[in-house]
Amino acid sequence: ELGNADEASRWNERAMELGPRDPATLYNSACLFALLGDADRCFECFDRAVEHGFANVQWLEHDPDLDGVRNDPRYHALLTHMNPGLPAG
C-alpha cells in the first residue's frame, strides 16, 4: 500500500522463514501476493494457510487486500472449501 513492494517482499520472505506453517503468516503472505498482482502465489499461500488451520471465512470475505483476486475462480473455490454451505461461484 505504501508503494515499497521490494521491502514488503523482503519482510515477507523473512516471516516465511520464521513461520512457514503459521496460518497467520501464510494468510498475510497471500494478501501481499494479492496486492502485488501475483494470484498464483496468493492462492498457493491460501491453500497452505487453510491446510495449517486458517478458518476465518468472514475475514477472508471482507479483507480489502483481496479485492484484486475476488473475481478469480480460485477465490470462490477457496470460500466454498472453507464453508461448504456457501453457494458455488
N, C-alpha and C. Protein backbone atom coordinates (compact mmCIF):
# COMPACT_ATOMS: atom_id res chain seq x y z
N GLU A 1 0.81 -1.20 0.00
CA GLU A 1 0.00 0.00 0.00
C GLU A 1 0.85 1.26 0.00
N LEU A 2 2.04 1.17 0.55
CA LEU A 2 2.92 2.33 0.62
C LEU A 2 3.82 2.44 -0.61
N GLY A 3 3.71 1.47 -1.50
CA GLY A 3 4.49 1.53 -2.72
C GLY A 3 5.90 0.97 -2.62
N ASN A 4 6.17 0.23 -1.58
CA ASN A 4 7.51 -0.33 -1.42
C ASN A 4 7.43 -1.86 -1.48
N ALA A 5 7.15 -2.36 -2.67
CA ALA A 5 6.96 -3.79 -2.86
C ALA A 5 8.22 -4.59 -2.54
N ASP A 6 9.38 -4.06 -2.88
CA ASP A 6 10.63 -4.79 -2.61
C ASP A 6 10.84 -5.01 -1.11
N GLU A 7 10.64 -3.96 -0.33
CA GLU A 7 10.82 -4.10 1.11
C GLU A 7 9.76 -5.03 1.70
N ALA A 8 8.52 -4.90 1.24
CA ALA A 8 7.46 -5.79 1.73
C ALA A 8 7.80 -7.24 1.40
N SER A 9 8.31 -7.47 0.23
CA SER A 9 8.67 -8.84 -0.17
C SER A 9 9.81 -9.39 0.69
N ARG A 10 10.78 -8.54 1.01
CA ARG A 10 11.89 -8.99 1.88
C ARG A 10 11.37 -9.35 3.28
N TRP A 11 10.50 -8.52 3.83
CA TRP A 11 9.94 -8.82 5.15
C TRP A 11 9.09 -10.09 5.10
N ASN A 12 8.38 -10.26 4.01
CA ASN A 12 7.56 -11.46 3.86
C ASN A 12 8.43 -12.71 3.80
N GLU A 13 9.52 -12.65 3.05
CA GLU A 13 10.43 -13.80 2.98
C GLU A 13 10.96 -14.16 4.37
N ARG A 14 11.30 -13.16 5.14
CA ARG A 14 11.80 -13.40 6.50
C ARG A 14 10.73 -14.02 7.38
N ALA A 15 9.52 -13.50 7.29
CA ALA A 15 8.41 -14.06 8.08
C ALA A 15 8.15 -15.52 7.70
N MET A 16 8.24 -15.82 6.41
CA MET A 16 8.01 -17.20 5.96
C MET A 16 9.13 -18.12 6.43
N GLU A 17 10.34 -17.61 6.54
CA GLU A 17 11.44 -18.41 7.09
C GLU A 17 11.18 -18.74 8.56
N LEU A 18 10.65 -17.79 9.29
CA LEU A 18 10.42 -17.97 10.73
C LEU A 18 9.16 -18.78 11.03
N GLY A 19 8.16 -18.69 10.18
CA GLY A 19 6.90 -19.38 10.46
C GLY A 19 6.27 -19.97 9.21
N PRO A 20 6.94 -20.91 8.55
CA PRO A 20 6.44 -21.42 7.28
C PRO A 20 5.12 -22.19 7.37
N ARG A 21 4.72 -22.56 8.58
CA ARG A 21 3.46 -23.29 8.77
C ARG A 21 2.46 -22.50 9.60
N ASP A 22 2.79 -21.26 9.91
CA ASP A 22 1.90 -20.43 10.72
C ASP A 22 0.77 -19.90 9.85
N PRO A 23 -0.49 -20.22 10.20
CA PRO A 23 -1.62 -19.80 9.37
C PRO A 23 -1.70 -18.29 9.17
N ALA A 24 -1.39 -17.51 10.19
CA ALA A 24 -1.46 -16.05 10.07
C ALA A 24 -0.37 -15.54 9.12
N THR A 25 0.81 -16.10 9.21
CA THR A 25 1.89 -15.71 8.31
C THR A 25 1.54 -16.06 6.87
N LEU A 26 1.00 -17.25 6.67
CA LEU A 26 0.60 -17.67 5.33
C LEU A 26 -0.53 -16.80 4.79
N TYR A 27 -1.48 -16.46 5.65
CA TYR A 27 -2.58 -15.57 5.23
C TYR A 27 -2.02 -14.21 4.81
N ASN A 28 -1.15 -13.64 5.62
CA ASN A 28 -0.58 -12.34 5.31
C ASN A 28 0.27 -12.40 4.03
N SER A 29 0.95 -13.50 3.81
CA SER A 29 1.70 -13.66 2.57
C SER A 29 0.75 -13.70 1.38
N ALA A 30 -0.36 -14.40 1.53
CA ALA A 30 -1.36 -14.44 0.46
C ALA A 30 -1.86 -13.03 0.15
N CYS A 31 -2.10 -12.25 1.19
CA CYS A 31 -2.55 -10.87 0.99
C CYS A 31 -1.50 -10.05 0.25
N LEU A 32 -0.24 -10.21 0.64
CA LEU A 32 0.82 -9.48 -0.05
C LEU A 32 0.84 -9.83 -1.52
N PHE A 33 0.78 -11.13 -1.84
CA PHE A 33 0.82 -11.54 -3.24
C PHE A 33 -0.41 -11.04 -4.00
N ALA A 34 -1.55 -10.98 -3.33
CA ALA A 34 -2.75 -10.42 -3.97
C ALA A 34 -2.51 -8.95 -4.31
N LEU A 35 -1.95 -8.21 -3.37
CA LEU A 35 -1.67 -6.79 -3.60
C LEU A 35 -0.63 -6.58 -4.70
N LEU A 36 0.31 -7.52 -4.82
CA LEU A 36 1.35 -7.42 -5.84
C LEU A 36 0.88 -7.93 -7.20
N GLY A 37 -0.34 -8.49 -7.25
CA GLY A 37 -0.87 -8.99 -8.51
C GLY A 37 -0.41 -10.38 -8.88
N ASP A 38 0.10 -11.14 -7.92
CA ASP A 38 0.58 -12.49 -8.16
C ASP A 38 -0.44 -13.49 -7.60
N ALA A 39 -1.49 -13.71 -8.38
CA ALA A 39 -2.60 -14.55 -7.91
C ALA A 39 -2.16 -15.99 -7.67
N ASP A 40 -1.26 -16.52 -8.50
CA ASP A 40 -0.83 -17.90 -8.32
C ASP A 40 -0.19 -18.10 -6.94
N ARG A 41 0.75 -17.23 -6.60
CA ARG A 41 1.40 -17.35 -5.29
C ARG A 41 0.43 -17.04 -4.16
N CYS A 42 -0.50 -16.12 -4.40
CA CYS A 42 -1.54 -15.81 -3.41
C CYS A 42 -2.31 -17.08 -3.04
N PHE A 43 -2.79 -17.79 -4.04
CA PHE A 43 -3.60 -18.98 -3.74
C PHE A 43 -2.77 -20.15 -3.24
N GLU A 44 -1.51 -20.22 -3.61
CA GLU A 44 -0.63 -21.23 -3.00
C GLU A 44 -0.55 -21.00 -1.50
N CYS A 45 -0.39 -19.74 -1.10
CA CYS A 45 -0.31 -19.41 0.33
C CYS A 45 -1.64 -19.67 1.02
N PHE A 46 -2.74 -19.33 0.37
CA PHE A 46 -4.05 -19.60 0.97
C PHE A 46 -4.26 -21.09 1.18
N ASP A 47 -3.91 -21.89 0.19
CA ASP A 47 -4.06 -23.34 0.35
C ASP A 47 -3.27 -23.84 1.55
N ARG A 48 -2.05 -23.35 1.69
CA ARG A 48 -1.22 -23.76 2.83
C ARG A 48 -1.78 -23.22 4.14
N ALA A 49 -2.30 -22.00 4.14
CA ALA A 49 -2.87 -21.42 5.36
C ALA A 49 -4.05 -22.27 5.85
N VAL A 50 -4.92 -22.66 4.93
CA VAL A 50 -6.07 -23.50 5.30
C VAL A 50 -5.58 -24.87 5.77
N GLU A 51 -4.61 -25.42 5.08
CA GLU A 51 -4.04 -26.71 5.47
C GLU A 51 -3.50 -26.68 6.90
N HIS A 52 -2.98 -25.52 7.32
CA HIS A 52 -2.39 -25.40 8.65
C HIS A 52 -3.32 -24.73 9.66
N GLY A 53 -4.61 -24.63 9.32
CA GLY A 53 -5.58 -24.23 10.33
C GLY A 53 -6.30 -22.91 10.14
N PHE A 54 -5.99 -22.15 9.10
CA PHE A 54 -6.72 -20.90 8.91
C PHE A 54 -8.17 -21.24 8.57
N ALA A 55 -9.12 -20.62 9.28
CA ALA A 55 -10.53 -20.95 9.08
C ALA A 55 -11.46 -19.74 9.15
N ASN A 56 -10.94 -18.54 9.13
CA ASN A 56 -11.77 -17.34 9.31
C ASN A 56 -12.34 -16.87 7.97
N VAL A 57 -13.44 -17.47 7.58
CA VAL A 57 -14.08 -17.15 6.30
C VAL A 57 -14.53 -15.70 6.27
N GLN A 58 -15.07 -15.20 7.37
CA GLN A 58 -15.56 -13.83 7.40
C GLN A 58 -14.43 -12.83 7.12
N TRP A 59 -13.26 -13.07 7.67
CA TRP A 59 -12.12 -12.18 7.43
C TRP A 59 -11.75 -12.22 5.95
N LEU A 60 -11.70 -13.41 5.42
CA LEU A 60 -11.36 -13.60 4.01
C LEU A 60 -12.35 -12.88 3.10
N GLU A 61 -13.61 -12.91 3.46
CA GLU A 61 -14.65 -12.28 2.64
C GLU A 61 -14.58 -10.76 2.65
N HIS A 62 -14.04 -10.17 3.70
CA HIS A 62 -14.11 -8.72 3.85
C HIS A 62 -12.75 -8.01 3.81
N ASP A 63 -11.67 -8.74 3.67
CA ASP A 63 -10.35 -8.12 3.68
C ASP A 63 -10.13 -7.38 2.36
N PRO A 64 -9.95 -6.05 2.42
CA PRO A 64 -9.76 -5.29 1.18
C PRO A 64 -8.48 -5.62 0.44
N ASP A 65 -7.51 -6.23 1.11
CA ASP A 65 -6.28 -6.64 0.44
C ASP A 65 -6.56 -7.65 -0.67
N LEU A 66 -7.69 -8.32 -0.59
CA LEU A 66 -8.00 -9.39 -1.54
C LEU A 66 -8.90 -8.93 -2.69
N ASP A 67 -9.17 -7.66 -2.77
CA ASP A 67 -10.05 -7.15 -3.83
C ASP A 67 -9.55 -7.55 -5.21
N GLY A 68 -8.26 -7.60 -5.40
CA GLY A 68 -7.69 -7.93 -6.70
C GLY A 68 -7.85 -9.38 -7.13
N VAL A 69 -8.24 -10.27 -6.21
CA VAL A 69 -8.39 -11.69 -6.57
C VAL A 69 -9.81 -12.20 -6.39
N ARG A 70 -10.71 -11.33 -6.01
CA ARG A 70 -12.09 -11.79 -5.76
C ARG A 70 -12.79 -12.34 -7.00
N ASN A 71 -12.40 -11.91 -8.18
CA ASN A 71 -13.02 -12.43 -9.40
C ASN A 71 -12.35 -13.69 -9.92
N ASP A 72 -11.29 -14.11 -9.28
CA ASP A 72 -10.59 -15.33 -9.66
C ASP A 72 -11.41 -16.53 -9.19
N PRO A 73 -11.67 -17.50 -10.04
CA PRO A 73 -12.45 -18.68 -9.62
C PRO A 73 -11.85 -19.39 -8.42
N ARG A 74 -10.55 -19.29 -8.23
CA ARG A 74 -9.92 -19.94 -7.07
C ARG A 74 -10.36 -19.30 -5.76
N TYR A 75 -10.69 -18.02 -5.79
CA TYR A 75 -11.19 -17.35 -4.58
C TYR A 75 -12.51 -17.98 -4.16
N HIS A 76 -13.41 -18.13 -5.10
CA HIS A 76 -14.71 -18.73 -4.77
C HIS A 76 -14.58 -20.20 -4.38
N ALA A 77 -13.65 -20.90 -5.03
CA ALA A 77 -13.41 -22.29 -4.65
C ALA A 77 -12.87 -22.38 -3.23
N LEU A 78 -12.00 -21.45 -2.86
CA LEU A 78 -11.46 -21.42 -1.51
C LEU A 78 -12.56 -21.18 -0.49
N LEU A 79 -13.42 -20.21 -0.76
CA LEU A 79 -14.53 -19.93 0.16
C LEU A 79 -15.44 -21.14 0.31
N THR A 80 -15.74 -21.79 -0.81
CA THR A 80 -16.62 -22.96 -0.78
C THR A 80 -15.95 -24.10 -0.01
N HIS A 81 -14.66 -24.28 -0.20
CA HIS A 81 -13.92 -25.32 0.51
C HIS A 81 -13.95 -25.06 2.02
N MET A 82 -13.79 -23.79 2.40
CA MET A 82 -13.75 -23.46 3.82
C MET A 82 -15.14 -23.47 4.45
N ASN A 83 -16.18 -23.24 3.64
CA ASN A 83 -17.55 -23.19 4.14
C ASN A 83 -18.44 -23.88 3.11
N PRO A 84 -18.53 -25.21 3.20
CA PRO A 84 -19.26 -25.96 2.17
C PRO A 84 -20.73 -25.54 2.02
N GLY A 85 -21.30 -24.83 2.96
CA GLY A 85 -22.68 -24.39 2.85
C GLY A 85 -22.88 -23.21 1.92
N LEU A 86 -21.78 -22.57 1.48
CA LEU A 86 -21.89 -21.42 0.58
C LEU A 86 -22.27 -21.89 -0.82
N PRO A 87 -23.07 -21.09 -1.52
CA PRO A 87 -23.35 -21.45 -2.92
C PRO A 87 -22.09 -21.28 -3.76
N ALA A 88 -21.91 -22.15 -4.74
CA ALA A 88 -20.73 -22.07 -5.61
C ALA A 88 -20.78 -20.84 -6.49
N GLY A 89 -19.58 -20.27 -6.75
CA GLY A 89 -19.44 -19.16 -7.68
C GLY A 89 -19.93 -17.89 -7.11
